[in-house]
N, C-alpha and C. Protein backbone atom coordinates (compact mmCIF):
# COMPACT_ATOMS: atom_id res chain seq x y z
N MET A 1 -57.35 19.67 66.18
CA MET A 1 -58.57 19.83 65.38
C MET A 1 -58.29 20.69 64.16
N LYS A 2 -58.76 20.23 63.01
CA LYS A 2 -58.50 20.97 61.78
C LYS A 2 -59.25 22.30 61.76
N LYS A 3 -58.59 23.30 61.17
CA LYS A 3 -59.23 24.59 60.97
C LYS A 3 -60.17 24.50 59.77
N THR A 4 -61.34 25.13 59.89
CA THR A 4 -62.30 25.15 58.79
C THR A 4 -62.22 26.50 58.08
N ILE A 5 -61.99 26.47 56.78
CA ILE A 5 -61.81 27.68 55.99
C ILE A 5 -62.81 27.67 54.84
N ALA A 6 -63.51 28.78 54.66
CA ALA A 6 -64.45 28.92 53.55
C ALA A 6 -63.97 30.01 52.61
N VAL A 7 -63.96 29.71 51.32
CA VAL A 7 -63.54 30.68 50.31
C VAL A 7 -64.74 31.04 49.44
N PHE A 8 -65.08 32.31 49.43
CA PHE A 8 -66.22 32.80 48.64
C PHE A 8 -65.69 33.55 47.42
N GLY A 9 -66.11 33.10 46.24
CA GLY A 9 -65.66 33.74 45.00
C GLY A 9 -64.51 32.97 44.39
N LEU A 10 -64.78 32.30 43.27
CA LEU A 10 -63.80 31.40 42.68
C LEU A 10 -63.26 31.92 41.35
N GLY A 11 -62.89 33.21 41.37
CA GLY A 11 -62.13 33.74 40.24
C GLY A 11 -60.70 33.25 40.35
N GLN A 12 -59.79 33.87 39.62
CA GLN A 12 -58.41 33.43 39.61
C GLN A 12 -57.79 33.49 41.01
N PHE A 13 -58.08 34.57 41.74
CA PHE A 13 -57.52 34.75 43.07
C PHE A 13 -58.08 33.72 44.04
N GLY A 14 -59.41 33.61 44.10
CA GLY A 14 -60.04 32.66 45.01
C GLY A 14 -59.66 31.22 44.69
N MET A 15 -59.59 30.90 43.40
CA MET A 15 -59.25 29.53 43.00
C MET A 15 -57.82 29.19 43.40
N SER A 16 -56.92 30.15 43.28
CA SER A 16 -55.54 29.90 43.67
C SER A 16 -55.43 29.64 45.17
N ILE A 17 -56.26 30.31 45.97
CA ILE A 17 -56.28 30.07 47.41
C ILE A 17 -56.78 28.66 47.70
N VAL A 18 -57.85 28.27 47.03
CA VAL A 18 -58.41 26.92 47.22
C VAL A 18 -57.37 25.86 46.86
N GLU A 19 -56.71 26.04 45.73
CA GLU A 19 -55.72 25.06 45.29
C GLU A 19 -54.58 24.95 46.29
N GLU A 20 -54.11 26.08 46.80
CA GLU A 20 -53.00 26.06 47.76
C GLU A 20 -53.44 25.45 49.09
N LEU A 21 -54.63 25.83 49.55
CA LEU A 21 -55.11 25.30 50.84
C LEU A 21 -55.34 23.80 50.77
N SER A 22 -55.64 23.29 49.58
CA SER A 22 -55.88 21.84 49.44
C SER A 22 -54.63 21.03 49.78
N LYS A 23 -53.47 21.69 49.78
CA LYS A 23 -52.21 21.01 50.07
C LYS A 23 -51.91 21.00 51.57
N HIS A 24 -52.74 21.71 52.34
CA HIS A 24 -52.50 21.84 53.77
C HIS A 24 -53.54 21.06 54.58
N ASP A 25 -53.28 20.94 55.86
CA ASP A 25 -54.16 20.16 56.74
C ASP A 25 -55.29 21.05 57.26
N ALA A 26 -56.27 21.29 56.42
CA ALA A 26 -57.41 22.12 56.78
C ALA A 26 -58.65 21.61 56.06
N ASP A 27 -59.81 21.85 56.64
CA ASP A 27 -61.07 21.55 55.97
C ASP A 27 -61.48 22.79 55.18
N VAL A 28 -61.45 22.68 53.87
CA VAL A 28 -61.67 23.84 53.01
C VAL A 28 -62.99 23.69 52.26
N MET A 29 -63.76 24.77 52.25
CA MET A 29 -65.00 24.82 51.48
C MET A 29 -64.89 25.92 50.44
N ALA A 30 -65.41 25.69 49.26
CA ALA A 30 -65.40 26.68 48.20
C ALA A 30 -66.84 26.97 47.78
N ILE A 31 -67.18 28.26 47.67
CA ILE A 31 -68.55 28.67 47.38
C ILE A 31 -68.57 29.69 46.26
N ASP A 32 -69.41 29.46 45.26
CA ASP A 32 -69.63 30.42 44.18
C ASP A 32 -70.97 30.07 43.54
N LYS A 33 -71.60 31.07 42.95
CA LYS A 33 -72.88 30.77 42.29
C LYS A 33 -72.69 30.33 40.84
N ASP A 34 -71.45 30.35 40.36
CA ASP A 34 -71.13 29.90 39.01
C ASP A 34 -70.81 28.40 39.06
N GLU A 35 -71.66 27.61 38.45
CA GLU A 35 -71.52 26.15 38.50
C GLU A 35 -70.20 25.68 37.91
N ASN A 36 -69.75 26.30 36.83
CA ASN A 36 -68.52 25.87 36.18
C ASN A 36 -67.30 26.09 37.09
N LYS A 37 -67.30 27.23 37.79
CA LYS A 37 -66.19 27.51 38.70
C LYS A 37 -66.18 26.52 39.87
N VAL A 38 -67.36 26.17 40.34
CA VAL A 38 -67.46 25.22 41.44
C VAL A 38 -66.96 23.84 40.99
N LYS A 39 -67.26 23.47 39.76
CA LYS A 39 -66.78 22.18 39.24
C LYS A 39 -65.26 22.15 39.19
N ILE A 40 -64.65 23.28 38.80
CA ILE A 40 -63.19 23.35 38.76
C ILE A 40 -62.61 23.22 40.17
N ALA A 41 -63.23 23.91 41.13
CA ALA A 41 -62.76 23.83 42.52
C ALA A 41 -62.84 22.41 43.07
N SER A 42 -63.81 21.64 42.58
CA SER A 42 -63.99 20.26 43.07
C SER A 42 -62.83 19.35 42.66
N ARG A 43 -61.98 19.82 41.75
CA ARG A 43 -60.79 19.05 41.40
C ARG A 43 -59.76 19.08 42.54
N PHE A 44 -59.86 20.12 43.38
CA PHE A 44 -58.88 20.31 44.45
C PHE A 44 -59.41 19.88 45.81
N ILE A 45 -60.69 20.13 46.05
CA ILE A 45 -61.27 19.82 47.37
C ILE A 45 -62.64 19.17 47.17
N PRO A 46 -63.09 18.37 48.14
CA PRO A 46 -64.38 17.68 47.99
C PRO A 46 -65.59 18.51 48.38
N THR A 47 -65.37 19.55 49.21
CA THR A 47 -66.51 20.29 49.76
C THR A 47 -66.70 21.59 49.00
N VAL A 48 -67.60 21.57 48.03
CA VAL A 48 -67.88 22.75 47.20
C VAL A 48 -69.39 22.96 47.14
N PHE A 49 -69.79 24.23 47.00
CA PHE A 49 -71.22 24.55 46.98
C PHE A 49 -71.52 25.60 45.92
N ILE A 50 -72.62 25.38 45.22
CA ILE A 50 -73.17 26.41 44.33
C ILE A 50 -74.15 27.21 45.17
N ALA A 51 -73.80 28.43 45.49
CA ALA A 51 -74.66 29.24 46.36
C ALA A 51 -74.37 30.72 46.15
N ASP A 52 -75.37 31.53 46.43
CA ASP A 52 -75.25 32.98 46.38
C ASP A 52 -74.89 33.46 47.78
N SER A 53 -73.68 33.97 47.95
CA SER A 53 -73.22 34.36 49.29
C SER A 53 -73.89 35.63 49.80
N THR A 54 -74.66 36.30 48.96
CA THR A 54 -75.40 37.48 49.43
C THR A 54 -76.77 37.08 49.99
N ASP A 55 -77.02 35.78 50.01
CA ASP A 55 -78.28 35.25 50.54
C ASP A 55 -78.01 34.67 51.93
N GLU A 56 -78.44 35.37 52.97
CA GLU A 56 -78.15 34.95 54.34
C GLU A 56 -78.70 33.56 54.64
N LYS A 57 -79.90 33.27 54.14
CA LYS A 57 -80.51 31.96 54.38
C LYS A 57 -79.63 30.84 53.83
N ALA A 58 -79.07 31.07 52.63
CA ALA A 58 -78.21 30.06 52.01
C ALA A 58 -76.96 29.81 52.85
N LEU A 59 -76.38 30.88 53.40
CA LEU A 59 -75.17 30.72 54.21
C LEU A 59 -75.46 30.03 55.54
N ARG A 60 -76.62 30.30 56.11
CA ARG A 60 -76.98 29.64 57.37
C ARG A 60 -77.22 28.15 57.12
N GLU A 61 -77.78 27.83 55.97
CA GLU A 61 -78.00 26.41 55.64
C GLU A 61 -76.67 25.68 55.47
N LEU A 62 -75.62 26.44 55.06
CA LEU A 62 -74.29 25.85 54.91
C LEU A 62 -73.51 25.87 56.22
N ASP A 63 -74.15 26.39 57.28
CA ASP A 63 -73.56 26.39 58.63
C ASP A 63 -72.29 27.24 58.70
N MET A 64 -72.30 28.37 57.99
CA MET A 64 -71.12 29.22 57.92
C MET A 64 -70.78 29.89 59.25
N GLN A 65 -71.73 29.94 60.16
CA GLN A 65 -71.46 30.60 61.45
C GLN A 65 -70.40 29.85 62.27
N HIS A 66 -70.11 28.61 61.89
CA HIS A 66 -69.14 27.82 62.63
C HIS A 66 -67.77 27.74 61.93
N VAL A 67 -67.61 28.50 60.86
CA VAL A 67 -66.35 28.50 60.13
C VAL A 67 -65.29 29.26 60.93
N ASP A 68 -64.06 28.75 60.94
CA ASP A 68 -62.97 29.42 61.66
C ASP A 68 -62.47 30.65 60.91
N HIS A 69 -62.39 30.54 59.59
CA HIS A 69 -61.84 31.65 58.80
C HIS A 69 -62.57 31.68 57.46
N ALA A 70 -63.14 32.82 57.13
CA ALA A 70 -63.80 33.01 55.84
C ALA A 70 -62.99 34.00 55.01
N ILE A 71 -62.86 33.70 53.72
CA ILE A 71 -62.15 34.57 52.79
C ILE A 71 -63.12 34.98 51.69
N VAL A 72 -63.38 36.28 51.60
CA VAL A 72 -64.26 36.82 50.55
C VAL A 72 -63.37 37.33 49.44
N ALA A 73 -63.41 36.66 48.29
CA ALA A 73 -62.40 36.88 47.25
C ALA A 73 -62.97 37.43 45.95
N TYR A 74 -64.08 38.18 46.04
CA TYR A 74 -64.71 38.66 44.81
C TYR A 74 -63.93 39.79 44.13
N GLY A 75 -63.27 40.63 44.92
CA GLY A 75 -62.44 41.68 44.33
C GLY A 75 -63.24 42.83 43.77
N ASN A 76 -63.44 42.85 42.44
CA ASN A 76 -64.08 44.01 41.80
C ASN A 76 -65.60 44.00 41.89
N ASN A 77 -66.20 42.93 42.38
CA ASN A 77 -67.66 42.90 42.60
C ASN A 77 -67.92 43.43 44.00
N ILE A 78 -67.91 44.73 44.13
CA ILE A 78 -67.95 45.34 45.47
C ILE A 78 -69.30 45.11 46.15
N GLN A 79 -70.38 45.02 45.37
CA GLN A 79 -71.70 44.79 45.97
C GLN A 79 -71.73 43.42 46.66
N ALA A 80 -71.27 42.38 45.95
CA ALA A 80 -71.24 41.04 46.54
C ALA A 80 -70.27 41.00 47.71
N THR A 81 -69.17 41.71 47.60
CA THR A 81 -68.16 41.75 48.67
C THR A 81 -68.75 42.34 49.95
N ILE A 82 -69.41 43.49 49.81
CA ILE A 82 -69.97 44.17 50.99
C ILE A 82 -71.10 43.36 51.61
N LEU A 83 -72.02 42.87 50.79
CA LEU A 83 -73.16 42.11 51.33
C LEU A 83 -72.71 40.82 52.00
N THR A 84 -71.76 40.12 51.39
CA THR A 84 -71.25 38.89 51.98
C THR A 84 -70.54 39.18 53.30
N THR A 85 -69.78 40.26 53.32
CA THR A 85 -69.07 40.67 54.54
C THR A 85 -70.05 40.93 55.68
N VAL A 86 -71.08 41.70 55.39
CA VAL A 86 -72.07 42.05 56.42
C VAL A 86 -72.73 40.79 56.98
N ILE A 87 -73.11 39.88 56.10
CA ILE A 87 -73.78 38.65 56.55
C ILE A 87 -72.85 37.81 57.41
N LEU A 88 -71.60 37.65 56.97
CA LEU A 88 -70.66 36.81 57.72
C LEU A 88 -70.32 37.42 59.08
N VAL A 89 -70.21 38.75 59.13
CA VAL A 89 -69.95 39.42 60.41
C VAL A 89 -71.13 39.20 61.36
N GLU A 90 -72.34 39.37 60.84
CA GLU A 90 -73.53 39.17 61.67
C GLU A 90 -73.67 37.72 62.13
N MET A 91 -73.14 36.79 61.34
CA MET A 91 -73.20 35.37 61.71
C MET A 91 -72.11 35.02 62.73
N GLY A 92 -71.16 35.91 62.93
CA GLY A 92 -70.13 35.69 63.94
C GLY A 92 -68.97 34.84 63.51
N VAL A 93 -68.60 34.90 62.22
CA VAL A 93 -67.42 34.17 61.75
C VAL A 93 -66.20 34.64 62.54
N LYS A 94 -65.36 33.68 62.98
CA LYS A 94 -64.26 34.01 63.88
C LYS A 94 -63.23 34.95 63.26
N HIS A 95 -62.89 34.70 62.01
CA HIS A 95 -61.93 35.58 61.33
C HIS A 95 -62.35 35.75 59.89
N LEU A 96 -62.34 37.00 59.43
CA LEU A 96 -62.84 37.31 58.09
C LEU A 96 -61.81 38.13 57.33
N THR A 97 -61.34 37.57 56.23
CA THR A 97 -60.42 38.26 55.34
C THR A 97 -61.16 38.61 54.05
N VAL A 98 -61.05 39.87 53.64
CA VAL A 98 -61.78 40.34 52.46
C VAL A 98 -60.80 40.93 51.45
N ARG A 99 -60.97 40.54 50.20
CA ARG A 99 -60.15 41.10 49.12
C ARG A 99 -60.92 42.20 48.41
N VAL A 100 -60.24 43.33 48.16
CA VAL A 100 -60.82 44.39 47.34
C VAL A 100 -59.80 44.82 46.30
N ASP A 101 -60.28 45.28 45.16
CA ASP A 101 -59.38 45.81 44.13
C ASP A 101 -59.25 47.32 44.22
N ASN A 102 -60.26 47.97 44.80
CA ASN A 102 -60.24 49.43 44.96
C ASN A 102 -59.96 49.75 46.42
N GLU A 103 -58.82 50.38 46.69
CA GLU A 103 -58.41 50.65 48.07
C GLU A 103 -59.35 51.60 48.80
N TYR A 104 -60.18 52.32 48.06
CA TYR A 104 -61.15 53.23 48.67
C TYR A 104 -62.03 52.49 49.67
N TYR A 105 -62.30 51.21 49.39
CA TYR A 105 -63.23 50.44 50.22
C TYR A 105 -62.57 49.77 51.43
N ILE A 106 -61.27 49.85 51.56
CA ILE A 106 -60.59 49.20 52.69
C ILE A 106 -61.13 49.68 54.03
N PRO A 107 -61.16 51.02 54.30
CA PRO A 107 -61.70 51.46 55.60
C PRO A 107 -63.18 51.15 55.77
N VAL A 108 -63.92 51.12 54.65
CA VAL A 108 -65.35 50.81 54.72
C VAL A 108 -65.54 49.38 55.22
N LEU A 109 -64.79 48.45 54.63
CA LEU A 109 -64.94 47.04 55.00
C LEU A 109 -64.44 46.78 56.41
N LYS A 110 -63.43 47.50 56.84
CA LYS A 110 -62.97 47.35 58.23
C LYS A 110 -64.03 47.84 59.21
N LYS A 111 -64.72 48.94 58.85
CA LYS A 111 -65.80 49.44 59.70
C LYS A 111 -66.96 48.48 59.74
N LEU A 112 -67.15 47.73 58.66
CA LEU A 112 -68.22 46.74 58.61
C LEU A 112 -67.90 45.50 59.44
N GLY A 113 -66.61 45.35 59.82
CA GLY A 113 -66.26 44.25 60.70
C GLY A 113 -65.26 43.26 60.15
N ALA A 114 -64.75 43.49 58.92
CA ALA A 114 -63.72 42.59 58.38
C ALA A 114 -62.47 42.69 59.25
N HIS A 115 -61.88 41.56 59.59
CA HIS A 115 -60.68 41.56 60.41
C HIS A 115 -59.44 41.93 59.62
N GLU A 116 -59.47 41.60 58.33
CA GLU A 116 -58.32 41.85 57.47
C GLU A 116 -58.82 42.17 56.08
N VAL A 117 -58.30 43.23 55.47
CA VAL A 117 -58.67 43.59 54.10
C VAL A 117 -57.39 43.66 53.28
N ILE A 118 -57.35 42.94 52.18
CA ILE A 118 -56.14 42.91 51.36
C ILE A 118 -56.45 43.40 49.95
N SER A 119 -55.43 44.00 49.34
CA SER A 119 -55.53 44.47 47.97
C SER A 119 -54.41 43.84 47.17
N PRO A 120 -54.68 42.76 46.44
CA PRO A 120 -53.62 42.08 45.68
C PRO A 120 -52.90 43.00 44.70
N GLN A 121 -53.63 43.94 44.11
CA GLN A 121 -53.00 44.85 43.16
C GLN A 121 -51.98 45.73 43.86
N ARG A 122 -52.33 46.20 45.08
CA ARG A 122 -51.38 47.02 45.84
C ARG A 122 -50.17 46.19 46.24
N MET A 123 -50.42 44.95 46.68
CA MET A 123 -49.31 44.07 47.08
C MET A 123 -48.40 43.80 45.89
N ALA A 124 -48.99 43.56 44.71
CA ALA A 124 -48.19 43.32 43.51
C ALA A 124 -47.39 44.57 43.15
N GLY A 125 -48.01 45.74 43.30
CA GLY A 125 -47.33 46.99 43.00
C GLY A 125 -46.15 47.24 43.92
N LEU A 126 -46.33 46.95 45.21
CA LEU A 126 -45.24 47.10 46.17
C LEU A 126 -44.10 46.15 45.82
N GLY A 127 -44.47 44.93 45.47
CA GLY A 127 -43.44 43.96 45.11
C GLY A 127 -42.66 44.39 43.89
N LEU A 128 -43.37 44.87 42.85
CA LEU A 128 -42.70 45.31 41.63
C LEU A 128 -41.79 46.50 41.92
N ALA A 129 -42.28 47.48 42.68
CA ALA A 129 -41.48 48.67 42.98
C ALA A 129 -40.20 48.28 43.70
N ASN A 130 -40.29 47.35 44.65
CA ASN A 130 -39.10 46.93 45.39
C ASN A 130 -38.15 46.13 44.52
N ARG A 131 -38.68 45.33 43.61
CA ARG A 131 -37.81 44.56 42.72
C ARG A 131 -37.10 45.46 41.72
N LEU A 132 -37.80 46.52 41.27
CA LEU A 132 -37.17 47.46 40.33
C LEU A 132 -36.06 48.24 41.01
N GLU A 133 -36.27 48.60 42.26
CA GLU A 133 -35.28 49.38 43.00
C GLU A 133 -34.09 48.52 43.40
N ASN A 134 -34.31 47.23 43.61
CA ASN A 134 -33.24 46.33 44.05
C ASN A 134 -33.20 45.16 43.09
N GLU A 135 -32.29 45.19 42.14
CA GLU A 135 -32.28 44.21 41.06
C GLU A 135 -32.03 42.79 41.56
N SER A 136 -31.40 42.65 42.74
CA SER A 136 -31.13 41.32 43.27
C SER A 136 -32.32 40.75 44.03
N PHE A 137 -33.40 41.56 44.22
CA PHE A 137 -34.63 41.05 44.82
C PHE A 137 -35.37 40.24 43.77
N VAL A 138 -35.44 38.92 43.97
CA VAL A 138 -36.13 38.06 43.02
C VAL A 138 -37.64 38.14 43.23
N ASP A 139 -38.06 38.20 44.48
CA ASP A 139 -39.48 38.32 44.80
C ASP A 139 -39.63 39.01 46.14
N TYR A 140 -40.84 39.55 46.37
CA TYR A 140 -41.07 40.39 47.55
C TYR A 140 -42.48 40.14 48.03
N TYR A 141 -42.63 39.85 49.32
CA TYR A 141 -43.94 39.57 49.91
C TYR A 141 -44.14 40.47 51.12
N SER A 142 -45.10 41.38 51.02
CA SER A 142 -45.35 42.30 52.14
C SER A 142 -46.09 41.57 53.26
N LEU A 143 -45.64 41.79 54.50
CA LEU A 143 -46.30 41.22 55.68
C LEU A 143 -47.04 42.28 56.47
N GLY A 144 -47.03 43.54 56.01
CA GLY A 144 -47.66 44.63 56.73
C GLY A 144 -46.72 45.23 57.76
N ASP A 145 -47.05 46.46 58.20
CA ASP A 145 -46.25 47.16 59.21
C ASP A 145 -44.78 47.27 58.79
N ASN A 146 -44.55 47.45 57.49
CA ASN A 146 -43.19 47.63 56.94
C ASN A 146 -42.32 46.38 57.00
N PHE A 147 -42.92 45.23 57.34
CA PHE A 147 -42.17 43.98 57.34
C PHE A 147 -42.44 43.22 56.04
N SER A 148 -41.46 42.44 55.62
CA SER A 148 -41.62 41.69 54.38
C SER A 148 -40.72 40.46 54.39
N VAL A 149 -41.04 39.54 53.48
CA VAL A 149 -40.15 38.42 53.17
C VAL A 149 -39.62 38.68 51.77
N VAL A 150 -38.29 38.68 51.64
CA VAL A 150 -37.68 38.98 50.35
C VAL A 150 -36.80 37.82 49.92
N LYS A 151 -36.98 37.45 48.66
CA LYS A 151 -36.16 36.41 48.04
C LYS A 151 -35.03 37.11 47.30
N VAL A 152 -33.81 36.89 47.74
CA VAL A 152 -32.65 37.65 47.23
C VAL A 152 -31.70 36.72 46.49
N SER A 153 -31.25 37.18 45.33
CA SER A 153 -30.27 36.44 44.55
C SER A 153 -28.86 36.93 44.88
N ILE A 154 -27.98 36.02 45.25
CA ILE A 154 -26.59 36.38 45.54
C ILE A 154 -25.78 36.33 44.24
N ASN A 155 -25.03 37.39 43.95
CA ASN A 155 -24.36 37.46 42.65
C ASN A 155 -23.18 36.48 42.56
N LYS A 156 -22.78 36.21 41.33
CA LYS A 156 -21.76 35.18 41.07
C LYS A 156 -20.38 35.58 41.56
N ASP A 157 -20.16 36.88 41.82
CA ASP A 157 -18.85 37.34 42.27
C ASP A 157 -18.73 37.39 43.80
N PHE A 158 -19.77 37.00 44.48
CA PHE A 158 -19.77 37.05 45.94
C PHE A 158 -18.74 36.06 46.50
N GLU A 159 -17.98 36.50 47.49
CA GLU A 159 -17.04 35.61 48.18
C GLU A 159 -17.75 34.97 49.37
N HIS A 160 -17.78 33.64 49.40
CA HIS A 160 -18.60 32.96 50.41
C HIS A 160 -18.24 33.44 51.81
N ARG A 161 -19.30 33.61 52.61
CA ARG A 161 -19.15 34.15 53.96
C ARG A 161 -19.90 33.27 54.95
N LEU A 162 -19.31 33.11 56.12
CA LEU A 162 -19.94 32.36 57.19
C LEU A 162 -21.10 33.18 57.77
N ILE A 163 -22.26 32.53 57.97
CA ILE A 163 -23.44 33.25 58.46
C ILE A 163 -23.18 33.84 59.84
N SER A 164 -22.49 33.10 60.70
CA SER A 164 -22.20 33.64 62.05
C SER A 164 -21.32 34.88 61.97
N GLU A 165 -20.48 34.95 60.94
CA GLU A 165 -19.63 36.13 60.75
C GLU A 165 -20.47 37.33 60.30
N LEU A 166 -21.40 37.08 59.40
CA LEU A 166 -22.28 38.16 58.94
C LEU A 166 -23.24 38.60 60.04
N ASN A 167 -23.69 37.63 60.84
CA ASN A 167 -24.57 37.88 61.98
C ASN A 167 -25.77 38.78 61.57
N PRO A 168 -26.59 38.31 60.62
CA PRO A 168 -27.64 39.17 60.07
C PRO A 168 -28.65 39.69 61.08
N ARG A 169 -28.96 38.88 62.10
CA ARG A 169 -29.98 39.31 63.06
C ARG A 169 -29.50 40.48 63.92
N ASN A 170 -28.29 40.36 64.46
CA ASN A 170 -27.79 41.40 65.36
C ASN A 170 -27.20 42.60 64.61
N THR A 171 -26.60 42.34 63.44
CA THR A 171 -25.96 43.42 62.70
C THR A 171 -26.95 44.21 61.85
N TYR A 172 -27.94 43.51 61.25
CA TYR A 172 -28.84 44.16 60.31
C TYR A 172 -30.31 44.13 60.75
N GLY A 173 -30.63 43.36 61.79
CA GLY A 173 -32.01 43.29 62.25
C GLY A 173 -32.91 42.45 61.38
N VAL A 174 -32.32 41.49 60.64
CA VAL A 174 -33.11 40.62 59.76
C VAL A 174 -32.84 39.17 60.10
N ASN A 175 -33.73 38.29 59.65
CA ASN A 175 -33.58 36.85 59.87
C ASN A 175 -33.43 36.14 58.53
N LEU A 176 -32.37 35.36 58.41
CA LEU A 176 -32.15 34.53 57.23
C LEU A 176 -32.82 33.19 57.49
N ILE A 177 -33.90 32.89 56.73
CA ILE A 177 -34.70 31.72 57.07
C ILE A 177 -34.49 30.53 56.13
N LEU A 178 -34.11 30.78 54.88
CA LEU A 178 -33.90 29.68 53.94
C LEU A 178 -32.78 30.03 52.96
N ILE A 179 -32.10 28.99 52.48
CA ILE A 179 -31.15 29.15 51.38
C ILE A 179 -31.48 28.10 50.33
N THR A 180 -31.55 28.51 49.08
CA THR A 180 -31.68 27.57 47.96
C THR A 180 -30.34 27.56 47.23
N ARG A 181 -29.74 26.39 47.13
CA ARG A 181 -28.44 26.23 46.45
C ARG A 181 -28.59 25.14 45.41
N LYS A 182 -28.57 25.54 44.16
CA LYS A 182 -28.84 24.63 43.05
C LYS A 182 -30.24 24.03 43.21
N THR A 183 -30.36 22.75 43.49
CA THR A 183 -31.69 22.13 43.61
C THR A 183 -32.08 21.87 45.06
N LYS A 184 -31.23 22.27 46.00
CA LYS A 184 -31.47 21.99 47.41
C LYS A 184 -31.88 23.25 48.17
N THR A 185 -32.93 23.15 49.00
CA THR A 185 -33.34 24.25 49.87
C THR A 185 -33.25 23.78 51.32
N PHE A 186 -32.65 24.62 52.17
CA PHE A 186 -32.46 24.23 53.57
C PHE A 186 -32.53 25.44 54.49
N ALA A 187 -32.83 25.17 55.75
CA ALA A 187 -32.82 26.21 56.78
C ALA A 187 -31.40 26.32 57.31
N PRO A 188 -30.75 27.46 57.13
CA PRO A 188 -29.34 27.56 57.47
C PRO A 188 -29.08 27.66 58.97
N LYS A 189 -27.90 27.21 59.37
CA LYS A 189 -27.42 27.35 60.75
C LYS A 189 -26.26 28.35 60.75
N ALA A 190 -25.85 28.74 61.95
CA ALA A 190 -24.82 29.77 62.08
C ALA A 190 -23.51 29.35 61.42
N ASN A 191 -23.22 28.03 61.39
CA ASN A 191 -21.96 27.58 60.82
C ASN A 191 -22.06 27.24 59.34
N ASP A 192 -23.18 27.58 58.70
CA ASP A 192 -23.32 27.45 57.24
C ASP A 192 -22.76 28.69 56.56
N TYR A 193 -22.54 28.57 55.25
CA TYR A 193 -22.03 29.68 54.46
C TYR A 193 -23.09 30.19 53.49
N ILE A 194 -23.01 31.46 53.13
CA ILE A 194 -23.70 31.99 51.95
C ILE A 194 -22.69 31.95 50.82
N GLU A 195 -23.10 31.40 49.68
CA GLU A 195 -22.18 31.20 48.57
C GLU A 195 -22.67 31.92 47.32
N PRO A 196 -21.77 32.14 46.34
CA PRO A 196 -22.19 32.76 45.07
C PRO A 196 -23.34 32.00 44.43
N ASN A 197 -24.27 32.74 43.84
CA ASN A 197 -25.43 32.18 43.12
C ASN A 197 -26.48 31.55 44.03
N ASP A 198 -26.32 31.67 45.35
CA ASP A 198 -27.38 31.22 46.26
C ASP A 198 -28.62 32.10 46.09
N ILE A 199 -29.78 31.51 46.42
CA ILE A 199 -31.01 32.29 46.60
C ILE A 199 -31.34 32.22 48.08
N ILE A 200 -31.46 33.39 48.72
CA ILE A 200 -31.73 33.41 50.15
C ILE A 200 -33.08 34.08 50.42
N PHE A 201 -33.74 33.65 51.50
CA PHE A 201 -35.01 34.22 51.91
C PHE A 201 -34.79 34.94 53.25
N VAL A 202 -35.13 36.23 53.27
CA VAL A 202 -34.84 37.07 54.43
C VAL A 202 -36.13 37.71 54.93
N VAL A 203 -36.34 37.72 56.26
CA VAL A 203 -37.50 38.35 56.88
C VAL A 203 -37.03 39.54 57.71
N GLY A 204 -37.77 40.65 57.60
CA GLY A 204 -37.45 41.83 58.41
C GLY A 204 -38.11 43.06 57.85
N GLN A 205 -37.77 44.22 58.38
CA GLN A 205 -38.26 45.46 57.81
C GLN A 205 -37.55 45.68 56.48
N THR A 206 -38.27 46.19 55.50
CA THR A 206 -37.74 46.32 54.15
C THR A 206 -36.44 47.12 54.13
N LYS A 207 -36.37 48.20 54.89
CA LYS A 207 -35.16 49.04 54.90
C LYS A 207 -33.96 48.26 55.44
N ASP A 208 -34.19 47.37 56.41
CA ASP A 208 -33.10 46.57 56.96
C ASP A 208 -32.66 45.49 55.97
N ILE A 209 -33.62 44.91 55.25
CA ILE A 209 -33.27 43.91 54.23
C ILE A 209 -32.45 44.56 53.13
N GLU A 210 -32.79 45.79 52.77
CA GLU A 210 -32.02 46.51 51.75
C GLU A 210 -30.58 46.71 52.19
N LYS A 211 -30.36 47.04 53.46
CA LYS A 211 -29.00 47.20 53.99
C LYS A 211 -28.24 45.88 53.94
N PHE A 212 -28.92 44.79 54.33
CA PHE A 212 -28.30 43.47 54.30
C PHE A 212 -27.97 43.08 52.86
N ASN A 213 -28.86 43.36 51.95
CA ASN A 213 -28.63 43.06 50.55
C ASN A 213 -27.42 43.80 50.01
N LYS A 214 -27.28 45.07 50.38
CA LYS A 214 -26.14 45.87 49.92
C LYS A 214 -24.82 45.31 50.45
N ALA A 215 -24.86 44.80 51.68
CA ALA A 215 -23.66 44.23 52.26
C ALA A 215 -23.24 42.96 51.50
N LEU A 216 -24.20 42.27 50.89
CA LEU A 216 -23.92 41.03 50.19
C LEU A 216 -23.60 41.24 48.72
N ASN A 217 -24.30 42.16 48.09
CA ASN A 217 -24.27 42.24 46.63
C ASN A 217 -23.61 43.49 46.05
N TYR A 218 -22.99 44.31 46.88
CA TYR A 218 -22.36 45.53 46.34
C TYR A 218 -20.90 45.60 46.78
C-alpha cells in the first residue's frame, strides 16, 4: 500500500520536496493558500489544494487525519508553522516533520508533538563547515546522532586499492555504499577497487569518515 504524504507550504523548500517525492511510489498532496504556488506544484503531482492549513475545518475536509506523513515546510512563518503543527497533532497524523529556520523553536515544536524538527540552514551550515575542513568532501548530509553520508572525491594520485584490503567497515567503522567512476555509478563489492578520480559515498560517524578519508587522500 502506498504511503500518503502531505506537504504544507510550497516555498522553495516545500516545492523541492514535492518535486522529489513525485519521482517515488507515494501518494503526495501539496497544500498552500497561494494559488500560484499550487499551480506550480500541479506540474509535478495531481493532488494539490488551495487551503489555509491554520484552519482546522479545512484540514478535516481534506481528510488529513488519515495521512501517513505530514511535512510542514513554512520555515520562517512561525505562526503558520505552530498552528498547523498543533492542528495536525490533534488530528492524529502518524508522523509529522516540521521545518523551522530559527532553532529556538525546535524544542517548542517537539513539545507540541512534532516527531521530527529540521533546520535546513543548520544542515547547510554543518555541510559547509565539514566541506571546508575536508577539501575532498564534495558533499555532506547529516543523518543525526553524529552520523552522516559523505560524498568523497579520490585524488588523481591515489594508487588503486582493493576494497577488501582496505576493509572500511572493520578498520574504520564506515560503510562504502556507492562508487561513481566517470559516468557509471555502482554499489561496490569486496573484490572491487577504489581508483584515482573516483567519487565514493560513505556512511558512518563523521569522525570515522574523516579517518577513512585521510587514509585515502593523504
